[in-house]
C-alpha atoms as a PDB file:
ATOM      1  CA  MET A   1      25.533 -31.750  -0.729  1.00  0.00           C
ATOM      2  CA  TYR A   2      24.221 -30.709  -4.017  1.00  0.00           C
ATOM      3  CA  ILE A   3      26.505 -33.728  -6.999  1.00  0.00           C
ATOM      4  CA  TYR A   4      25.881 -33.042 -10.915  1.00  0.00           C
ATOM      5  CA  ASN A   5      26.671 -36.510 -11.826  1.00  0.00           C
ATOM      6  CA  LEU A   6      28.173 -36.803 -15.141  1.00  0.00           C
ATOM      7  CA  THR A   7      27.746 -39.992 -17.640  1.00  0.00           C
ATOM      8  CA  ALA A   8      29.620 -40.192 -19.843  1.00  0.00           C
ATOM      9  CA  GLN A   9      29.742 -42.975 -23.081  1.00  0.00           C
ATOM     10  CA  VAL A  10      33.689 -43.824 -24.479  1.00  0.00           C
ATOM     11  CA  ILE A  11      34.201 -45.769 -27.196  1.00  0.00           C
ATOM     12  CA  PRO A  12      37.416 -48.143 -26.978  1.00  0.00           C
ATOM     13  CA  GLU A  13      39.671 -46.000 -29.581  1.00  0.00           C
ATOM     14  CA  LEU A  14      39.293 -43.141 -27.391  1.00  0.00           C
ATOM     15  CA  GLU A  15      39.003 -44.801 -23.964  1.00  0.00           C
ATOM     16  CA  GLN A  16      43.131 -44.226 -22.687  1.00  0.00           C
ATOM     17  CA  GLN A  17      43.000 -40.632 -23.798  1.00  0.00           C
ATOM     18  CA  TRP A  18      40.204 -39.619 -22.410  1.00  0.00           C
ATOM     19  CA  LEU A  19      40.712 -40.761 -18.874  1.00  0.00           C
ATOM     20  CA  GLU A  20      44.247 -38.980 -19.139  1.00  0.00           C
ATOM     21  CA  TRP A  21      42.877 -36.025 -20.052  1.00  0.00           C
ATOM     22  CA  VAL A  22      40.268 -36.535 -17.569  1.00  0.00           C
ATOM     23  CA  HIS A  23      42.302 -37.488 -13.875  1.00  0.00           C
ATOM     24  CA  LYS A  24      45.676 -34.757 -15.447  1.00  0.00           C
ATOM     25  CA  ILE A  25      43.657 -31.761 -17.397  1.00  0.00           C
ATOM     26  CA  HIS A  26      39.644 -32.435 -16.148  1.00  0.00           C
ATOM     27  CA  ILE A  27      39.807 -32.990 -12.784  1.00  0.00           C
ATOM     28  CA  PRO A  28      42.433 -30.462 -11.589  1.00  0.00           C
ATOM     29  CA  GLU A  29      40.707 -27.841 -14.046  1.00  0.00           C
ATOM     30  CA  MET A  30      37.509 -28.271 -12.089  1.00  0.00           C
ATOM     31  CA  LEU A  31      38.371 -28.335  -7.418  1.00  0.00           C
ATOM     32  CA  GLY A  32      39.753 -24.971  -9.280  1.00  0.00           C
ATOM     33  CA  HIS A  33      37.043 -23.600  -8.838  1.00  0.00           C
ATOM     34  CA  ALA A  34      35.520 -22.467  -4.620  1.00  0.00           C
ATOM     35  CA  ALA A  35      32.092 -24.194  -5.085  1.00  0.00           C
ATOM     36  CA  LEU A  36      33.669 -27.411  -5.626  1.00  0.00           C
ATOM     37  CA  LYS A  37      35.207 -29.637  -3.116  1.00  0.00           C
ATOM     38  CA  LYS A  38      35.063 -33.038  -4.718  1.00  0.00           C
ATOM     39  CA  VAL A  39      34.995 -34.485  -8.004  1.00  0.00           C
ATOM     40  CA  GLN A  40      34.469 -38.199  -8.045  1.00  0.00           C
ATOM     41  CA  LEU A  41      35.679 -40.666 -11.208  1.00  0.00           C
ATOM     42  CA  LEU A  42      33.575 -44.057 -11.108  1.00  0.00           C
ATOM     43  CA  ARG A  43      33.059 -46.509 -13.835  1.00  0.00           C
ATOM     44  CA  ILE A  44      30.358 -47.807 -14.720  1.00  0.00           C
ATOM     45  CA  GLN A  45      29.464 -51.689 -13.641  1.00  0.00           C
ATOM     46  CA  ALA A  46      27.161 -52.943 -16.598  1.00  0.00           C
ATOM     47  CA  VAL A  47      28.332 -55.634 -19.893  1.00  0.00           C
ATOM     48  CA  GLN A  48      29.285 -53.564 -22.632  1.00  0.00           C
ATOM     49  CA  ASP A  49      29.698 -54.211 -26.551  1.00  0.00           C
ATOM     50  CA  SER A  50      31.591 -51.392 -27.124  1.00  0.00           C
ATOM     51  CA  ALA A  51      32.180 -48.578 -25.272  1.00  0.00           C
ATOM     52  CA  GLN A  52      32.611 -47.914 -21.941  1.00  0.00           C
ATOM     53  CA  THR A  53      30.590 -45.988 -19.546  1.00  0.00           C
ATOM     54  CA  TYR A  54      31.414 -43.897 -16.695  1.00  0.00           C
ATOM     55  CA  ALA A  55      30.026 -41.432 -13.832  1.00  0.00           C
ATOM     56  CA  LEU A  56      32.213 -38.202 -12.694  1.00  0.00           C
ATOM     57  CA  GLN A  57      30.030 -36.845  -9.742  1.00  0.00           C
ATOM     58  CA  TYR A  58      30.856 -32.812  -8.646  1.00  0.00           C
ATOM     59  CA  HIS A  59      29.998 -32.365  -5.400  1.00  0.00           C
ATOM     60  CA  SER A  60      29.303 -28.998  -3.595  1.00  0.00           C
ATOM     61  CA  PRO A  61      28.306 -28.462   0.012  1.00  0.00           C
ATOM     62  CA  GLU A  62      25.818 -25.552  -0.295  1.00  0.00           C
ATOM     63  CA  LYS A  63      22.994 -25.096  -2.575  1.00  0.00           C
ATOM     64  CA  ALA A  64      23.088 -21.457  -3.657  1.00  0.00           C
ATOM     65  CA  SER A  65      26.631 -21.712  -4.894  1.00  0.00           C
ATOM     66  CA  TYR A  66      26.046 -24.936  -6.130  1.00  0.00           C
ATOM     67  CA  GLU A  67      23.741 -24.182  -8.360  1.00  0.00           C
ATOM     68  CA  THR A  68      25.171 -20.718  -9.759  1.00  0.00           C
ATOM     69  CA  PHE A  69      28.175 -22.318  -9.874  1.00  0.00           C
ATOM     70  CA  TRP A  70      26.229 -25.105 -12.816  1.00  0.00           C
ATOM     71  CA  LYS A  71      24.115 -21.866 -14.543  1.00  0.00           C
ATOM     72  CA  SER A  72      27.816 -20.705 -15.102  1.00  0.00           C
ATOM     73  CA  HIS A  73      29.383 -23.481 -15.984  1.00  0.00           C
ATOM     74  CA  GLU A  74      27.143 -26.424 -18.221  1.00  0.00           C
ATOM     75  CA  ALA A  75      27.748 -25.399 -20.853  1.00  0.00           C
ATOM     76  CA  ILE A  76      31.404 -25.470 -21.056  1.00  0.00           C
ATOM     77  CA  LEU A  77      31.961 -28.386 -19.275  1.00  0.00           C
ATOM     78  CA  MET A  78      29.778 -29.796 -21.869  1.00  0.00           C
ATOM     79  CA  GLU A  79      30.875 -27.461 -24.998  1.00  0.00           C
ATOM     80  CA  SER A  80      34.905 -29.206 -23.339  1.00  0.00           C
ATOM     81  CA  PHE A  81      33.824 -32.831 -23.802  1.00  0.00           C
ATOM     82  CA  GLN A  82      32.131 -32.137 -26.861  1.00  0.00           C
ATOM     83  CA  LYS A  83      35.709 -30.242 -28.160  1.00  0.00           C
ATOM     84  CA  HIS A  84      38.159 -32.839 -26.791  1.00  0.00           C
ATOM     85  CA  PHE A  85      36.361 -35.876 -28.427  1.00  0.00           C
ATOM     86  CA  GLY A  86      34.050 -35.351 -30.173  1.00  0.00           C
ATOM     87  CA  ALA A  87      30.651 -37.848 -31.167  1.00  0.00           C
ATOM     88  CA  GLY A  88      33.522 -40.497 -29.019  1.00  0.00           C
ATOM     89  CA  VAL A  89      31.798 -39.827 -26.008  1.00  0.00           C
ATOM     90  CA  LEU A  90      28.350 -39.486 -25.278  1.00  0.00           C
ATOM     91  CA  THR A  91      26.906 -37.902 -21.807  1.00  0.00           C
ATOM     92  CA  PHE A  92      24.477 -36.464 -20.466  1.00  0.00           C
ATOM     93  CA  ALA A  93      24.014 -34.870 -16.677  1.00  0.00           C
ATOM     94  CA  THR A  94      21.790 -35.286 -13.291  1.00  0.00           C
ATOM     95  CA  HIS A  95      21.277 -32.602 -10.380  1.00  0.00           C
ATOM     96  CA  LEU A  96      21.434 -34.807  -7.253  1.00  0.00           C
ATOM     97  CA  GLU A  97      21.040 -33.939  -4.531  1.00  0.00           C
ATOM     98  CA  LEU A  98      21.996 -36.508  -1.118  1.00  0.00           C
ATOM     99  CA  ILE A  99      19.457 -37.087   1.474  1.00  0.00           C
ATOM    100  CA  ALA A 100      21.255 -39.072   3.955  1.00  0.00           C
ATOM    101  CA  ASN A 101      24.813 -40.840   4.636  1.00  0.00           C
ATOM    102  CA  GLN A 102      24.439 -43.573   6.623  1.00  0.00           C
ATOM    103  CA  GLN A 103      27.329 -45.651   7.687  1.00  0.00           C
END
């Protein structure tokens, strides 16, 4: 499994609007792409003075489709966040590979 982890720090004034956009528009749009099998939204538990931090994780089971998808969509994704929320949402991305999953 390959995971694109997008960390987003959201200012309080935009948090509810951002969450609504992520739930109603962004996640459904992303799940429309065949390369993505699951999208998770997580709240990062940390002591925050102002902005709340979230992680969006986009899961893809195959390396080739993962790499092809993100080469063509990563800039588009970042531009979308910038277009909708400007400097009110700061983001950075991490590419992950699942090595083990024990339950």
